[in-house]
Amino acid sequence: MIALIQRVSQASVDVDGETVGAIGAGLLVLLGVHQDDTEAEADWLAGKVSRLRVFRDDEGRMNRSLLETGGEALVVSQFTLYGDTRKGNRPSYVAAAPPEKAEALYEYFAERLSSLLNKPVPTGEFGAMMNVRLVNDGPVTLWIER
């Protein structure tokens, strides 16, 4: 499982011109699911995201987590994170999970993160063409792979 995480002051995702998810300050999580992933990887990653210390403390250091700040999270599926570009110019997505498995683990991850944060976690729409807007705060962008 891969999560490309961006600390944001705001983020939203639209499908067909309608906003389906939006947050204020927090983390935008672009999530890719590998063909071998299970709920164990989703559990680990949700815990990591909830505890990731990337928000400023009183001294201006990145030392606080979503749990500590009360920040929000927006989760958007992105199978292209598993695009292999080592050969040729067209990415190969053979490592990405098939849609049925990826959707189930994507939803499981969002539910698990929601439970850990004790608040709703909005999402994009799996498989849809989405427009994602964000204001990257920092900028802070991290790649987490499990």
C-alpha atoms as a PDB file:
ATOM      1  CA  MET A   1       0.000   0.000   0.000  1.00  0.00           C
ATOM      2  CA  ILE A   2       1.273   3.440  -0.877  1.00  0.00           C
ATOM      3  CA  ALA A   3       0.116   6.732   0.583  1.00  0.00           C
ATOM      4  CA  LEU A   4       1.270  10.006  -0.889  1.00  0.00           C
ATOM      5  CA  ILE A   5       0.453  12.415   1.921  1.00  0.00           C
ATOM      6  CA  GLN A   6       0.292  16.170   1.650  1.00  0.00           C
ATOM      7  CA  ARG A   7      -0.192  18.518   4.568  1.00  0.00           C
ATOM      8  CA  VAL A   8      -2.870  20.952   3.449  1.00  0.00           C
ATOM      9  CA  SER A   9      -4.651  24.042   4.668  1.00  0.00           C
ATOM     10  CA  GLN A  10      -7.595  22.868   2.562  1.00  0.00           C
ATOM     11  CA  ALA A  11      -8.400  20.182  -0.011  1.00  0.00           C
ATOM     12  CA  SER A  12     -11.391  18.961  -1.965  1.00  0.00           C
ATOM     13  CA  VAL A  13     -12.313  16.406  -4.600  1.00  0.00           C
ATOM     14  CA  ASP A  14     -14.962  16.886  -7.293  1.00  0.00           C
ATOM     15  CA  VAL A  15     -16.692  14.339  -9.526  1.00  0.00           C
ATOM     16  CA  ASP A  16     -18.697  15.600 -12.502  1.00  0.00           C
ATOM     17  CA  GLY A  17     -18.503  19.166 -11.191  1.00  0.00           C
ATOM     18  CA  GLU A  18     -19.832  18.300  -7.711  1.00  0.00           C
ATOM     19  CA  THR A  19     -17.729  18.293  -4.559  1.00  0.00           C
ATOM     20  CA  VAL A  20     -17.825  14.816  -3.001  1.00  0.00           C
ATOM     21  CA  GLY A  21     -15.294  15.460  -0.229  1.00  0.00           C
ATOM     22  CA  ALA A  22     -13.610  18.473   1.337  1.00  0.00           C
ATOM     23  CA  ILE A  23     -11.501  19.301   4.371  1.00  0.00           C
ATOM     24  CA  GLY A  24      -9.855  22.247   6.053  1.00  0.00           C
ATOM     25  CA  ALA A  25      -6.433  21.911   7.670  1.00  0.00           C
ATOM     26  CA  GLY A  26      -5.144  18.355   7.720  1.00  0.00           C
ATOM     27  CA  LEU A  27      -3.822  15.682   5.384  1.00  0.00           C
ATOM     28  CA  LEU A  28      -4.720  14.760   1.829  1.00  0.00           C
ATOM     29  CA  VAL A  29      -4.000  11.052   1.381  1.00  0.00           C
ATOM     30  CA  LEU A  30      -3.631   9.729  -2.160  1.00  0.00           C
ATOM     31  CA  LEU A  31      -3.897   5.957  -1.703  1.00  0.00           C
ATOM     32  CA  GLY A  32      -2.645   3.174  -3.947  1.00  0.00           C
ATOM     33  CA  VAL A  33      -3.405  -0.474  -3.207  1.00  0.00           C
ATOM     34  CA  HIS A  34      -0.968  -3.240  -4.206  1.00  0.00           C
ATOM     35  CA  GLN A  35      -2.181  -6.586  -5.480  1.00  0.00           C
ATOM     36  CA  ASP A  36      -0.763  -8.333  -2.371  1.00  0.00           C
ATOM     37  CA  ASP A  37      -2.187  -5.908   0.206  1.00  0.00           C
ATOM     38  CA  THR A  38      -4.519  -7.025   2.999  1.00  0.00           C
ATOM     39  CA  GLU A  39      -6.356  -5.353   5.855  1.00  0.00           C
ATOM     40  CA  ALA A  40      -3.127  -5.664   7.878  1.00  0.00           C
ATOM     41  CA  GLU A  41      -1.385  -3.146   5.595  1.00  0.00           C
ATOM     42  CA  ALA A  42      -4.414  -0.843   5.744  1.00  0.00           C
ATOM     43  CA  ASP A  43      -4.475  -1.024   9.557  1.00  0.00           C
ATOM     44  CA  TRP A  44      -0.762  -0.216   9.789  1.00  0.00           C
ATOM     45  CA  LEU A  45      -1.018   2.661   7.325  1.00  0.00           C
ATOM     46  CA  ALA A  46      -4.108   4.183   8.977  1.00  0.00           C
ATOM     47  CA  GLY A  47      -2.283   4.127  12.311  1.00  0.00           C
ATOM     48  CA  LYS A  48       0.794   5.711  10.759  1.00  0.00           C
ATOM     49  CA  VAL A  49      -1.224   8.479   9.078  1.00  0.00           C
ATOM     50  CA  SER A  50      -3.135   9.295  12.277  1.00  0.00           C
ATOM     51  CA  ARG A  51       0.089   9.548  14.320  1.00  0.00           C
ATOM     52  CA  LEU A  52       2.389  11.130  11.717  1.00  0.00           C
ATOM     53  CA  ARG A  53       4.014  14.167  13.355  1.00  0.00           C
ATOM     54  CA  VAL A  54       3.981  16.751  10.556  1.00  0.00           C
ATOM     55  CA  PHE A  55       2.103  19.646  12.159  1.00  0.00           C
ATOM     56  CA  ARG A  56       3.818  22.509  13.948  1.00  0.00           C
ATOM     57  CA  ASP A  57       4.050  22.629  17.712  1.00  0.00           C
ATOM     58  CA  ASP A  58       4.297  25.828  19.766  1.00  0.00           C
ATOM     59  CA  GLU A  59       7.976  26.138  18.825  1.00  0.00           C
ATOM     60  CA  GLY A  60       7.302  25.831  15.096  1.00  0.00           C
ATOM     61  CA  ARG A  61       8.685  22.291  14.773  1.00  0.00           C
ATOM     62  CA  MET A  62       6.854  19.497  12.986  1.00  0.00           C
ATOM     63  CA  ASN A  63       6.001  17.605  16.144  1.00  0.00           C
ATOM     64  CA  ARG A  64       2.202  17.150  16.252  1.00  0.00           C
ATOM     65  CA  SER A  65      -0.119  14.625  14.612  1.00  0.00           C
ATOM     66  CA  LEU A  66      -3.678  14.712  13.300  1.00  0.00           C
ATOM     67  CA  LEU A  67      -4.715  13.147  16.591  1.00  0.00           C
ATOM     68  CA  GLU A  68      -3.096  15.993  18.538  1.00  0.00           C
ATOM     69  CA  THR A  69      -4.255  18.847  16.310  1.00  0.00           C
ATOM     70  CA  GLY A  70      -7.768  17.627  15.597  1.00  0.00           C
ATOM     71  CA  GLY A  71      -7.014  18.036  11.896  1.00  0.00           C
ATOM     72  CA  GLU A  72      -8.962  16.390   9.107  1.00  0.00           C
ATOM     73  CA  ALA A  73      -8.090  13.814   6.452  1.00  0.00           C
ATOM     74  CA  LEU A  74      -9.322  13.398   2.878  1.00  0.00           C
ATOM     75  CA  VAL A  75      -8.624  10.060   1.178  1.00  0.00           C
ATOM     76  CA  VAL A  76      -8.542   9.728  -2.620  1.00  0.00           C
ATOM     77  CA  SER A  77      -7.853   6.460  -4.459  1.00  0.00           C
ATOM     78  CA  GLN A  78      -4.976   6.611  -6.918  1.00  0.00           C
ATOM     79  CA  PHE A  79      -3.914   3.340  -8.538  1.00  0.00           C
ATOM     80  CA  THR A  80      -1.370   5.233 -10.648  1.00  0.00           C
ATOM     81  CA  LEU A  81       0.931   5.332  -7.610  1.00  0.00           C
ATOM     82  CA  TYR A  82       1.816   1.777  -8.647  1.00  0.00           C
ATOM     83  CA  GLY A  83       2.736   2.839 -12.178  1.00  0.00           C
ATOM     84  CA  ASP A  84       6.046   1.203 -13.088  1.00  0.00           C
ATOM     85  CA  THR A  85       7.981   3.450 -15.490  1.00  0.00           C
ATOM     86  CA  ARG A  86      11.291   1.565 -15.550  1.00  0.00           C
ATOM     87  CA  LYS A  87      10.753   0.235 -19.078  1.00  0.00           C
ATOM     88  CA  GLY A  88       9.418   2.215 -22.013  1.00  0.00           C
ATOM     89  CA  ASN A  89       7.299   5.340 -21.784  1.00  0.00           C
ATOM     90  CA  ARG A  90       3.921   3.860 -20.891  1.00  0.00           C
ATOM     91  CA  PRO A  91       3.525   3.034 -17.188  1.00  0.00           C
ATOM     92  CA  SER A  92       2.652  -0.540 -16.294  1.00  0.00           C
ATOM     93  CA  TYR A  93       0.075  -1.042 -13.555  1.00  0.00           C
ATOM     94  CA  VAL A  94       0.451  -4.797 -13.048  1.00  0.00           C
ATOM     95  CA  ALA A  95       1.377  -4.325  -9.369  1.00  0.00           C
ATOM     96  CA  ALA A  96      -1.837  -2.430  -8.603  1.00  0.00           C
ATOM     97  CA  ALA A  97      -4.650  -4.429  -7.046  1.00  0.00           C
ATOM     98  CA  PRO A  98      -7.595  -5.327  -9.263  1.00  0.00           C
ATOM     99  CA  PRO A  99     -10.493  -2.878  -8.864  1.00  0.00           C
ATOM    100  CA  GLU A 100     -12.690  -5.076  -6.621  1.00  0.00           C
ATOM    101  CA  LYS A 101      -9.892  -5.694  -4.130  1.00  0.00           C
ATOM    102  CA  ALA A 102      -8.554  -2.140  -4.319  1.00  0.00           C
ATOM    103  CA  GLU A 103     -11.977  -0.606  -3.675  1.00  0.00           C
ATOM    104  CA  ALA A 104     -12.623  -2.819  -0.650  1.00  0.00           C
ATOM    105  CA  LEU A 105      -9.239  -1.983   0.913  1.00  0.00           C
ATOM    106  CA  TYR A 106      -9.570   1.711   0.047  1.00  0.00           C
ATOM    107  CA  GLU A 107     -12.923   1.844   1.838  1.00  0.00           C
ATOM    108  CA  TYR A 108     -11.546  -0.200   4.735  1.00  0.00           C
ATOM    109  CA  PHE A 109      -8.589   2.190   5.082  1.00  0.00           C
ATOM    110  CA  ALA A 110     -10.859   5.262   5.147  1.00  0.00           C
ATOM    111  CA  GLU A 111     -13.136   3.620   7.744  1.00  0.00           C
ATOM    112  CA  ARG A 112     -10.156   2.610   9.886  1.00  0.00           C
ATOM    113  CA  LEU A 113      -8.681   6.133   9.714  1.00  0.00           C
ATOM    114  CA  SER A 114     -12.091   7.593  10.604  1.00  0.00           C
ATOM    115  CA  SER A 115     -12.266   5.305  13.639  1.00  0.00           C
ATOM    116  CA  LEU A 116      -8.772   6.277  14.794  1.00  0.00           C
ATOM    117  CA  LEU A 117      -9.454  10.002  14.366  1.00  0.00           C
ATOM    118  CA  ASN A 118     -12.948   9.685  15.839  1.00  0.00           C
ATOM    119  CA  LYS A 119     -14.418  11.792  13.022  1.00  0.00           C
ATOM    120  CA  PRO A 120     -15.700  11.292   9.486  1.00  0.00           C
ATOM    121  CA  VAL A 121     -13.063  10.984   6.778  1.00  0.00           C
ATOM    122  CA  PRO A 122     -14.356  12.163   3.395  1.00  0.00           C
ATOM    123  CA  THR A 123     -13.221  10.341   0.286  1.00  0.00           C
ATOM    124  CA  GLY A 124     -13.211  10.639  -3.441  1.00  0.00           C
ATOM    125  CA  GLU A 125     -15.274   8.291  -5.600  1.00  0.00           C
ATOM    126  CA  PHE A 126     -13.451   5.074  -6.411  1.00  0.00           C
ATOM    127  CA  GLY A 127     -12.880   4.607 -10.132  1.00  0.00           C
ATOM    128  CA  ALA A 128     -14.254   8.011 -11.108  1.00  0.00           C
ATOM    129  CA  MET A 129     -12.452  10.776 -12.939  1.00  0.00           C
ATOM    130  CA  MET A 130     -11.791  13.245 -10.146  1.00  0.00           C
ATOM    131  CA  ASN A 131     -10.537  16.796  -9.858  1.00  0.00           C
ATOM    132  CA  VAL A 132      -8.512  17.189  -6.699  1.00  0.00           C
ATOM    133  CA  ARG A 133      -7.783  20.658  -5.345  1.00  0.00           C
ATOM    134  CA  LEU A 134      -5.398  21.384  -2.545  1.00  0.00           C
ATOM    135  CA  VAL A 135      -3.431  24.118  -0.895  1.00  0.00           C
ATOM    136  CA  ASN A 136      -0.229  22.383   0.181  1.00  0.00           C
ATOM    137  CA  ASP A 137       0.827  23.739   3.568  1.00  0.00           C
ATOM    138  CA  GLY A 138       4.592  24.005   3.821  1.00  0.00           C
ATOM    139  CA  PRO A 139       4.841  22.391   1.361  1.00  0.00           C
ATOM    140  CA  VAL A 140       4.969  19.061   3.165  1.00  0.00           C
ATOM    141  CA  THR A 141       4.648  15.937   1.019  1.00  0.00           C
ATOM    142  CA  LEU A 142       5.562  12.420   2.172  1.00  0.00           C
ATOM    143  CA  TRP A 143       5.588   8.997   0.544  1.00  0.00           C
ATOM    144  CA  ILE A 144       4.732   6.083   2.829  1.00  0.00           C
ATOM    145  CA  GLU A 145       4.885   2.543   1.544  1.00  0.00           C
ATOM    146  CA  ARG A 146       4.043  -0.642   3.395  1.00  0.00           C
END
